[in-house]
Amino acid sequence: MKGDEPALLDLRKRPATDADAEFIFECIKRALGPHVIATYGPWDEDWQRKNFSRTTDPRSHEIIEVSARPAGCLFVEDCDACLELHRILLLPEFQNRGVGTRLIRELLSEALATRKRVRLRVFRVNPARRLYERLGFRVVGENRTHVSMEALGGT
């Protein structure tokens, strides 16, 4: 994967199904787990699985595939005034390869076409914040654990 140009990646998205629930959970655990631990302390597998089952509908997600391999998941909610990026998670082996940049640029283009903003929330300790800032997101709120960010479509 290393060295692939984002434009050359065979990147696809497909709707998730209930059968993708375990993969989505694995994305959360592997992509967000270190930030959860840094923010809240040790990972509690039982609590995380119960919370996931209670709060997550896999069908609201898309599965990101790179060269036909499952690479991560995406959950965007189209609200009246914005596109809310609830989740963009890439497995560690697909991070820092241009995949996230390409997906967020596509989302920003969609927002521009519909004259909407894109909003997201990121852990303070998550280095992905630099990617969001580079792509035009600005801080609009923060608390002890997270930063809320927003960008105009097309940025």
C-alpha atoms as a PDB file:
ATOM      1  CA  MET A   1       0.000   0.000   0.000  1.00  0.00           C
ATOM      2  CA  LYS A   2       2.767   2.425   0.846  1.00  0.00           C
ATOM      3  CA  GLY A   3       3.484   4.878  -1.940  1.00  0.00           C
ATOM      4  CA  ASP A   4       0.084   4.584  -3.613  1.00  0.00           C
ATOM      5  CA  GLU A   5      -1.220   7.901  -4.847  1.00  0.00           C
ATOM      6  CA  PRO A   6      -4.728   8.683  -3.551  1.00  0.00           C
ATOM      7  CA  ALA A   7      -6.064   9.197  -7.076  1.00  0.00           C
ATOM      8  CA  LEU A   8      -4.768   5.761  -8.094  1.00  0.00           C
ATOM      9  CA  LEU A   9      -6.227   3.840  -5.185  1.00  0.00           C
ATOM     10  CA  ASP A  10      -9.012   1.440  -6.061  1.00  0.00           C
ATOM     11  CA  LEU A  11     -11.285   3.001  -3.455  1.00  0.00           C
ATOM     12  CA  ARG A  12     -14.916   1.989  -3.171  1.00  0.00           C
ATOM     13  CA  LYS A  13     -17.738   2.427  -0.691  1.00  0.00           C
ATOM     14  CA  ARG A  14     -20.631   0.058  -0.237  1.00  0.00           C
ATOM     15  CA  PRO A  15     -23.623   0.145   2.082  1.00  0.00           C
ATOM     16  CA  ALA A  16     -23.058  -1.783   5.290  1.00  0.00           C
ATOM     17  CA  THR A  17     -25.424  -4.513   6.397  1.00  0.00           C
ATOM     18  CA  ASP A  18     -26.089  -6.086   9.770  1.00  0.00           C
ATOM     19  CA  ALA A  19     -23.467  -8.681   8.799  1.00  0.00           C
ATOM     20  CA  ASP A  20     -20.831  -5.898   8.912  1.00  0.00           C
ATOM     21  CA  ALA A  21     -21.400  -5.133  12.611  1.00  0.00           C
ATOM     22  CA  GLU A  22     -18.339  -7.061  13.803  1.00  0.00           C
ATOM     23  CA  PHE A  23     -16.110  -5.376  11.201  1.00  0.00           C
ATOM     24  CA  ILE A  24     -17.377  -1.921  12.235  1.00  0.00           C
ATOM     25  CA  PHE A  25     -16.693  -2.770  15.878  1.00  0.00           C
ATOM     26  CA  GLU A  26     -13.186  -3.931  14.912  1.00  0.00           C
ATOM     27  CA  CYS A  27     -12.620  -0.601  13.137  1.00  0.00           C
ATOM     28  CA  ILE A  28     -13.657   1.248  16.277  1.00  0.00           C
ATOM     29  CA  LYS A  29     -11.412  -0.899  18.446  1.00  0.00           C
ATOM     30  CA  ARG A  30      -8.343  -0.693  16.217  1.00  0.00           C
ATOM     31  CA  ALA A  31      -8.669   2.890  14.936  1.00  0.00           C
ATOM     32  CA  LEU A  32     -10.173   4.608  17.979  1.00  0.00           C
ATOM     33  CA  GLY A  33      -9.103   2.272  20.764  1.00  0.00           C
ATOM     34  CA  PRO A  34      -5.771   4.009  21.445  1.00  0.00           C
ATOM     35  CA  HIS A  35      -7.553   7.383  21.705  1.00  0.00           C
ATOM     36  CA  VAL A  36     -10.255   5.940  23.960  1.00  0.00           C
ATOM     37  CA  ILE A  37      -7.535   4.535  26.233  1.00  0.00           C
ATOM     38  CA  ALA A  38      -5.567   7.797  26.232  1.00  0.00           C
ATOM     39  CA  THR A  39      -8.730   9.743  27.071  1.00  0.00           C
ATOM     40  CA  TYR A  40     -10.687   7.494  29.420  1.00  0.00           C
ATOM     41  CA  GLY A  41      -8.306   4.777  30.595  1.00  0.00           C
ATOM     42  CA  PRO A  42      -8.265   1.021  29.920  1.00  0.00           C
ATOM     43  CA  TRP A  43     -10.437  -0.441  27.164  1.00  0.00           C
ATOM     44  CA  ASP A  44     -13.364  -2.342  28.681  1.00  0.00           C
ATOM     45  CA  GLU A  45     -14.284  -4.866  25.987  1.00  0.00           C
ATOM     46  CA  ASP A  46     -17.621  -5.867  27.554  1.00  0.00           C
ATOM     47  CA  TRP A  47     -18.746  -2.270  28.048  1.00  0.00           C
ATOM     48  CA  GLN A  48     -17.591  -1.284  24.554  1.00  0.00           C
ATOM     49  CA  ARG A  49     -19.478  -4.158  22.918  1.00  0.00           C
ATOM     50  CA  LYS A  50     -22.661  -3.453  24.883  1.00  0.00           C
ATOM     51  CA  ASN A  51     -22.462   0.262  24.103  1.00  0.00           C
ATOM     52  CA  PHE A  52     -21.830  -0.498  20.425  1.00  0.00           C
ATOM     53  CA  SER A  53     -24.842  -2.842  20.258  1.00  0.00           C
ATOM     54  CA  ARG A  54     -27.029  -0.267  22.005  1.00  0.00           C
ATOM     55  CA  THR A  55     -25.975   2.792  19.980  1.00  0.00           C
ATOM     56  CA  THR A  56     -24.867   1.620  16.525  1.00  0.00           C
ATOM     57  CA  ASP A  57     -26.942   0.645  13.528  1.00  0.00           C
ATOM     58  CA  PRO A  58     -24.488  -0.922  11.079  1.00  0.00           C
ATOM     59  CA  ARG A  59     -26.852  -0.103   8.193  1.00  0.00           C
ATOM     60  CA  SER A  60     -26.209   3.622   8.737  1.00  0.00           C
ATOM     61  CA  HIS A  61     -22.580   3.056   7.704  1.00  0.00           C
ATOM     62  CA  GLU A  62     -20.687   2.477   4.509  1.00  0.00           C
ATOM     63  CA  ILE A  63     -17.820   0.032   4.276  1.00  0.00           C
ATOM     64  CA  ILE A  64     -14.673   1.463   2.732  1.00  0.00           C
ATOM     65  CA  GLU A  65     -12.795  -0.950   0.500  1.00  0.00           C
ATOM     66  CA  VAL A  66      -9.320  -0.474  -0.945  1.00  0.00           C
ATOM     67  CA  SER A  67      -8.383  -2.884  -3.725  1.00  0.00           C
ATOM     68  CA  ALA A  68     -11.405  -4.992  -2.729  1.00  0.00           C
ATOM     69  CA  ARG A  69     -10.156  -5.301   0.881  1.00  0.00           C
ATOM     70  CA  PRO A  70     -12.256  -3.951   3.767  1.00  0.00           C
ATOM     71  CA  ALA A  71     -10.299  -0.926   5.007  1.00  0.00           C
ATOM     72  CA  GLY A  72     -12.682   0.958   7.265  1.00  0.00           C
ATOM     73  CA  CYS A  73     -16.107   2.451   7.696  1.00  0.00           C
ATOM     74  CA  LEU A  74     -17.871   5.752   7.192  1.00  0.00           C
ATOM     75  CA  PHE A  75     -21.026   7.175   8.738  1.00  0.00           C
ATOM     76  CA  VAL A  76     -22.318  10.509   7.437  1.00  0.00           C
ATOM     77  CA  GLU A  77     -25.707  11.919   8.373  1.00  0.00           C
ATOM     78  CA  ASP A  78     -27.335  14.379   5.981  1.00  0.00           C
ATOM     79  CA  CYS A  79     -28.975  16.999   8.208  1.00  0.00           C
ATOM     80  CA  ASP A  80     -30.883  20.104   7.134  1.00  0.00           C
ATOM     81  CA  ALA A  81     -27.952  22.525   7.372  1.00  0.00           C
ATOM     82  CA  CYS A  82     -24.944  20.216   7.343  1.00  0.00           C
ATOM     83  CA  LEU A  83     -23.397  16.878   6.646  1.00  0.00           C
ATOM     84  CA  GLU A  84     -22.494  15.394  10.012  1.00  0.00           C
ATOM     85  CA  LEU A  85     -19.408  13.177   9.793  1.00  0.00           C
ATOM     86  CA  HIS A  86     -20.081  10.859  12.719  1.00  0.00           C
ATOM     87  CA  ARG A  87     -17.465   8.290  11.877  1.00  0.00           C
ATOM     88  CA  ILE A  88     -14.580   7.849   9.470  1.00  0.00           C
ATOM     89  CA  LEU A  89     -12.427   4.979  10.641  1.00  0.00           C
ATOM     90  CA  LEU A  90      -9.606   3.287   8.800  1.00  0.00           C
ATOM     91  CA  LEU A  91      -7.790   0.221  10.000  1.00  0.00           C
ATOM     92  CA  PRO A  92      -4.204   1.169  10.932  1.00  0.00           C
ATOM     93  CA  GLU A  93      -2.709  -0.527   7.853  1.00  0.00           C
ATOM     94  CA  PHE A  94      -4.761   1.805   5.621  1.00  0.00           C
ATOM     95  CA  GLN A  95      -4.021   5.019   7.509  1.00  0.00           C
ATOM     96  CA  ASN A  96      -1.631   7.653   6.133  1.00  0.00           C
ATOM     97  CA  ARG A  97      -2.137   6.420   2.564  1.00  0.00           C
ATOM     98  CA  GLY A  98      -4.404   9.191   1.261  1.00  0.00           C
ATOM     99  CA  VAL A  99      -7.634   7.238   1.769  1.00  0.00           C
ATOM    100  CA  GLY A 100      -9.024   9.529   4.470  1.00  0.00           C
ATOM    101  CA  THR A 101      -7.992  12.638   2.546  1.00  0.00           C
ATOM    102  CA  ARG A 102      -9.786  11.433  -0.552  1.00  0.00           C
ATOM    103  CA  LEU A 103     -12.956  10.489   1.343  1.00  0.00           C
ATOM    104  CA  ILE A 104     -13.126  13.810   3.170  1.00  0.00           C
ATOM    105  CA  ARG A 105     -12.516  15.768  -0.037  1.00  0.00           C
ATOM    106  CA  GLU A 106     -15.391  13.861  -1.651  1.00  0.00           C
ATOM    107  CA  LEU A 107     -17.582  14.738   1.319  1.00  0.00           C
ATOM    108  CA  LEU A 108     -16.592  18.410   1.091  1.00  0.00           C
ATOM    109  CA  SER A 109     -17.454  18.401  -2.627  1.00  0.00           C
ATOM    110  CA  GLU A 110     -20.848  16.889  -1.847  1.00  0.00           C
ATOM    111  CA  ALA A 111     -21.389  19.566   0.792  1.00  0.00           C
ATOM    112  CA  LEU A 112     -20.498  22.304  -1.703  1.00  0.00           C
ATOM    113  CA  ALA A 113     -22.985  20.918  -4.226  1.00  0.00           C
ATOM    114  CA  THR A 114     -25.734  21.012  -1.598  1.00  0.00           C
ATOM    115  CA  ARG A 115     -24.545  24.280  -0.003  1.00  0.00           C
ATOM    116  CA  LYS A 116     -23.951  22.672   3.359  1.00  0.00           C
ATOM    117  CA  ARG A 117     -21.236  22.639   5.963  1.00  0.00           C
ATOM    118  CA  VAL A 118     -19.480  19.505   7.175  1.00  0.00           C
ATOM    119  CA  ARG A 119     -19.306  18.984  10.931  1.00  0.00           C
ATOM    120  CA  LEU A 120     -17.373  16.457  12.965  1.00  0.00           C
ATOM    121  CA  ARG A 121     -16.106  15.728  16.444  1.00  0.00           C
ATOM    122  CA  VAL A 122     -12.632  14.316  17.105  1.00  0.00           C
ATOM    123  CA  PHE A 123     -10.794  13.187  20.227  1.00  0.00           C
ATOM    124  CA  ARG A 124      -8.368  15.866  21.382  1.00  0.00           C
ATOM    125  CA  VAL A 125      -5.576  13.269  21.321  1.00  0.00           C
ATOM    126  CA  ASN A 126      -6.349  12.021  17.797  1.00  0.00           C
ATOM    127  CA  PRO A 127      -3.684  13.079  15.269  1.00  0.00           C
ATOM    128  CA  ALA A 128      -6.388  13.013  12.552  1.00  0.00           C
ATOM    129  CA  ARG A 129      -7.216  16.519  13.745  1.00  0.00           C
ATOM    130  CA  ARG A 130      -4.239  17.764  11.705  1.00  0.00           C
ATOM    131  CA  LEU A 131      -5.751  16.207   8.571  1.00  0.00           C
ATOM    132  CA  TYR A 132      -9.048  17.961   9.221  1.00  0.00           C
ATOM    133  CA  GLU A 133      -7.298  21.294   9.753  1.00  0.00           C
ATOM    134  CA  ARG A 134      -5.285  20.815   6.558  1.00  0.00           C
ATOM    135  CA  LEU A 135      -8.545  20.231   4.666  1.00  0.00           C
ATOM    136  CA  GLY A 136     -10.087  23.447   5.954  1.00  0.00           C
ATOM    137  CA  PHE A 137     -11.880  22.446   9.142  1.00  0.00           C
ATOM    138  CA  ARG A 138     -11.872  24.970  11.976  1.00  0.00           C
ATOM    139  CA  VAL A 139     -12.574  24.467  15.668  1.00  0.00           C
ATOM    140  CA  VAL A 140     -16.093  25.582  16.624  1.00  0.00           C
ATOM    141  CA  GLY A 141     -16.270  24.066  20.092  1.00  0.00           C
ATOM    142  CA  GLU A 142     -14.416  21.892  22.529  1.00  0.00           C
ATOM    143  CA  ASN A 143     -14.668  20.112  25.824  1.00  0.00           C
ATOM    144  CA  ARG A 144     -12.294  18.103  27.973  1.00  0.00           C
ATOM    145  CA  THR A 145     -12.224  15.105  25.611  1.00  0.00           C
ATOM    146  CA  HIS A 146     -13.254  16.271  22.125  1.00  0.00           C
ATOM    147  CA  VAL A 147     -12.956  19.092  19.624  1.00  0.00           C
ATOM    148  CA  SER A 148     -15.888  19.997  17.365  1.00  0.00           C
ATOM    149  CA  MET A 149     -14.898  21.151  13.904  1.00  0.00           C
ATOM    150  CA  GLU A 150     -16.656  22.534  10.846  1.00  0.00           C
ATOM    151  CA  ALA A 151     -15.775  23.266   7.231  1.00  0.00           C
ATOM    152  CA  LEU A 152     -17.547  24.852   4.334  1.00  0.00           C
ATOM    153  CA  GLY A 153     -18.158  22.482   1.459  1.00  0.00           C
ATOM    154  CA  GLY A 154     -15.552  22.586  -1.294  1.00  0.00           C
ATOM    155  CA  THR A 155     -12.700  23.710   0.917  1.00  0.00           C
END
